[in-house]
Amino acid sequence: MTGWTIGLIMAAVTGLVLYFQTSASGYSFKLWPNLIMVLPMAAVNAFTEEVVFRLSYVTSTENAGLSPTWAMALGSLVFGFVHYWGIAPKWTLGAVLVAYIGFSLTKSILETKGFLFAWAVHAILDVVILTFLFNAHP
């Protein structure tokens, strides 16, 4: 499977988890302003989280001469831990899902020696998450 296929599968699973975490209130999908705001917010949030939760661990462990396994462990466990109490996905299922996503995105940074792929996949995931959150009834 390619990285993009895995990313799209992660987006579908994330959407399913978000549906069940937010469906009790119902939805009202509106193009303006809800869906229009999602794209820039998803891009900025994905960029910020990639720098904080992945790039920092990859560069720190590499500079310290540690195994890339440490970067993957830190990038996934800290990301999952923080999302346990976060907005979405949350609780145990969300934390496990996000830890797997963190592992995959950290691994992609290590394998591609770059940031762009992880940021793009993360932005797609955030589009799914923010679409559900912005359109769920309070």
Protein backbone atom coordinates (compact mmCIF):
# COMPACT_ATOMS: atom_id res chain seq x y z
CA MET A 1 0.00 0.00 0.00
CA THR A 2 1.19 3.50 -0.74
CA GLY A 3 1.45 6.25 1.83
CA TRP A 4 -1.50 8.09 0.28
CA THR A 5 -3.69 4.98 0.52
CA ILE A 6 -2.82 4.57 4.18
CA GLY A 7 -3.50 8.28 4.74
CA LEU A 8 -6.94 8.03 3.14
CA ILE A 9 -7.76 4.95 5.21
CA MET A 10 -6.73 6.89 8.33
CA ALA A 11 -9.00 9.76 7.25
CA ALA A 12 -11.95 7.36 6.80
CA VAL A 13 -11.39 5.74 10.20
CA THR A 14 -10.99 9.18 11.81
CA GLY A 15 -14.26 10.28 10.20
CA LEU A 16 -16.01 7.21 11.55
CA VAL A 17 -14.70 7.82 15.07
CA LEU A 18 -15.69 11.51 14.87
CA TYR A 19 -19.15 10.60 13.62
CA PHE A 20 -19.79 8.47 16.68
CA GLN A 21 -18.21 11.00 19.06
CA THR A 22 -20.32 13.91 17.74
CA SER A 23 -23.48 12.35 16.26
CA ALA A 24 -25.66 12.72 19.36
CA SER A 25 -26.13 16.42 18.69
CA GLY A 26 -26.85 16.11 14.95
CA TYR A 27 -25.35 18.04 12.05
CA SER A 28 -26.17 20.92 9.76
CA PHE A 29 -23.65 21.14 6.92
CA LYS A 30 -23.28 24.69 5.65
CA LEU A 31 -20.88 25.72 2.92
CA TRP A 32 -20.43 29.19 4.35
CA PRO A 33 -18.80 29.82 6.79
CA ASN A 34 -18.26 26.35 8.24
CA LEU A 35 -16.77 24.41 5.36
CA ILE A 36 -14.91 27.39 3.90
CA MET A 37 -13.09 27.95 7.21
CA VAL A 38 -12.03 24.33 7.48
CA LEU A 39 -9.29 24.37 4.82
CA PRO A 40 -7.05 27.16 6.16
CA MET A 41 -7.58 26.09 9.76
CA ALA A 42 -6.73 22.47 8.93
CA ALA A 43 -3.54 23.52 7.13
CA VAL A 44 -2.37 25.75 9.99
CA ASN A 45 -3.25 23.24 12.72
CA ALA A 46 -1.56 20.39 10.84
CA PHE A 47 1.58 22.49 10.34
CA THR A 48 1.71 23.45 14.02
CA GLU A 49 1.14 19.92 15.29
CA GLU A 50 3.69 18.45 12.89
CA VAL A 51 6.34 20.90 14.11
CA VAL A 52 5.52 20.40 17.80
CA PHE A 53 4.76 16.67 17.94
CA ARG A 54 6.88 15.19 15.18
CA LEU A 55 9.60 17.37 13.74
CA SER A 56 10.85 18.35 17.18
CA TYR A 57 11.23 14.71 18.25
CA VAL A 58 12.81 13.63 14.97
CA THR A 59 15.43 16.39 15.06
CA SER A 60 16.07 16.08 18.81
CA THR A 61 16.63 12.33 18.74
CA GLU A 62 18.73 12.58 15.59
CA ASN A 63 20.91 15.34 17.09
CA ALA A 64 21.33 13.29 20.27
CA GLY A 65 22.43 10.26 18.25
CA LEU A 66 19.48 8.14 19.40
CA SER A 67 17.68 5.52 17.37
CA PRO A 68 14.79 6.67 15.15
CA THR A 69 12.64 4.33 17.24
CA TRP A 70 12.78 6.93 20.02
CA ALA A 71 11.40 9.59 17.68
CA MET A 72 8.54 7.30 16.60
CA ALA A 73 7.75 6.37 20.20
CA LEU A 74 7.76 9.97 21.40
CA GLY A 75 5.92 11.27 18.33
CA SER A 76 3.11 8.77 18.81
CA LEU A 77 2.78 8.48 22.58
CA VAL A 78 2.86 12.20 23.36
CA PHE A 79 0.46 12.96 20.50
CA GLY A 80 -1.97 10.27 21.69
CA PHE A 81 -1.67 11.33 25.34
CA VAL A 82 -2.44 14.97 24.56
CA HIS A 83 -5.45 14.03 22.43
CA TYR A 84 -6.96 11.88 25.20
CA TRP A 85 -8.34 15.07 26.76
CA GLY A 86 -8.39 17.07 23.54
CA ILE A 87 -11.25 18.12 21.34
CA ALA A 88 -11.29 15.29 18.83
CA PRO A 89 -10.75 12.41 18.49
CA LYS A 90 -10.70 11.92 22.23
CA TRP A 91 -10.92 9.43 25.08
CA THR A 92 -9.33 6.00 24.84
CA LEU A 93 -10.33 5.15 21.27
CA GLY A 94 -9.29 8.59 20.05
CA ALA A 95 -5.96 8.46 21.89
CA VAL A 96 -5.11 5.05 20.42
CA LEU A 97 -6.13 6.19 16.93
CA VAL A 98 -4.11 9.40 17.23
CA ALA A 99 -1.09 7.51 18.61
CA TYR A 100 -1.16 5.29 15.50
CA ILE A 101 -1.48 8.37 13.30
CA GLY A 102 1.44 9.97 15.16
CA PHE A 103 3.53 6.85 14.63
CA SER A 104 2.73 6.77 10.91
CA LEU A 105 3.44 10.46 10.38
CA THR A 106 6.71 10.32 12.34
CA LYS A 107 7.74 7.28 10.30
CA SER A 108 6.95 9.17 7.10
CA ILE A 109 9.17 12.08 8.15
CA LEU A 110 12.01 9.66 8.87
CA GLU A 111 11.56 7.73 5.62
CA THR A 112 11.06 10.68 3.28
CA LYS A 113 13.60 12.89 5.08
CA GLY A 114 11.04 15.64 4.76
CA PHE A 115 8.03 17.30 6.28
CA LEU A 116 5.66 17.84 3.34
CA PHE A 117 4.02 14.40 3.13
CA ALA A 118 3.29 14.23 6.87
CA TRP A 119 1.88 17.76 6.80
CA ALA A 120 -0.36 16.99 3.80
CA VAL A 121 -1.77 13.79 5.32
CA HIS A 122 -2.28 15.54 8.66
CA ALA A 123 -4.10 18.40 6.91
CA ILE A 124 -6.45 15.90 5.23
CA LEU A 125 -7.17 14.34 8.62
CA ASP A 126 -7.83 17.78 10.11
CA VAL A 127 -10.25 18.62 7.27
CA VAL A 128 -12.28 15.57 8.28
CA ILE A 129 -12.12 16.41 11.99
CA LEU A 130 -12.94 20.11 11.62
CA THR A 131 -15.78 19.40 9.18
CA PHE A 132 -17.51 17.28 11.81
CA LEU A 133 -16.76 19.68 14.66
CA PHE A 134 -17.84 22.86 12.84
CA ASN A 135 -21.07 21.33 11.62
CA ALA A 136 -22.20 19.48 14.76
CA HIS A 137 -24.98 21.09 16.76
CA PRO A 138 -23.80 22.29 20.17
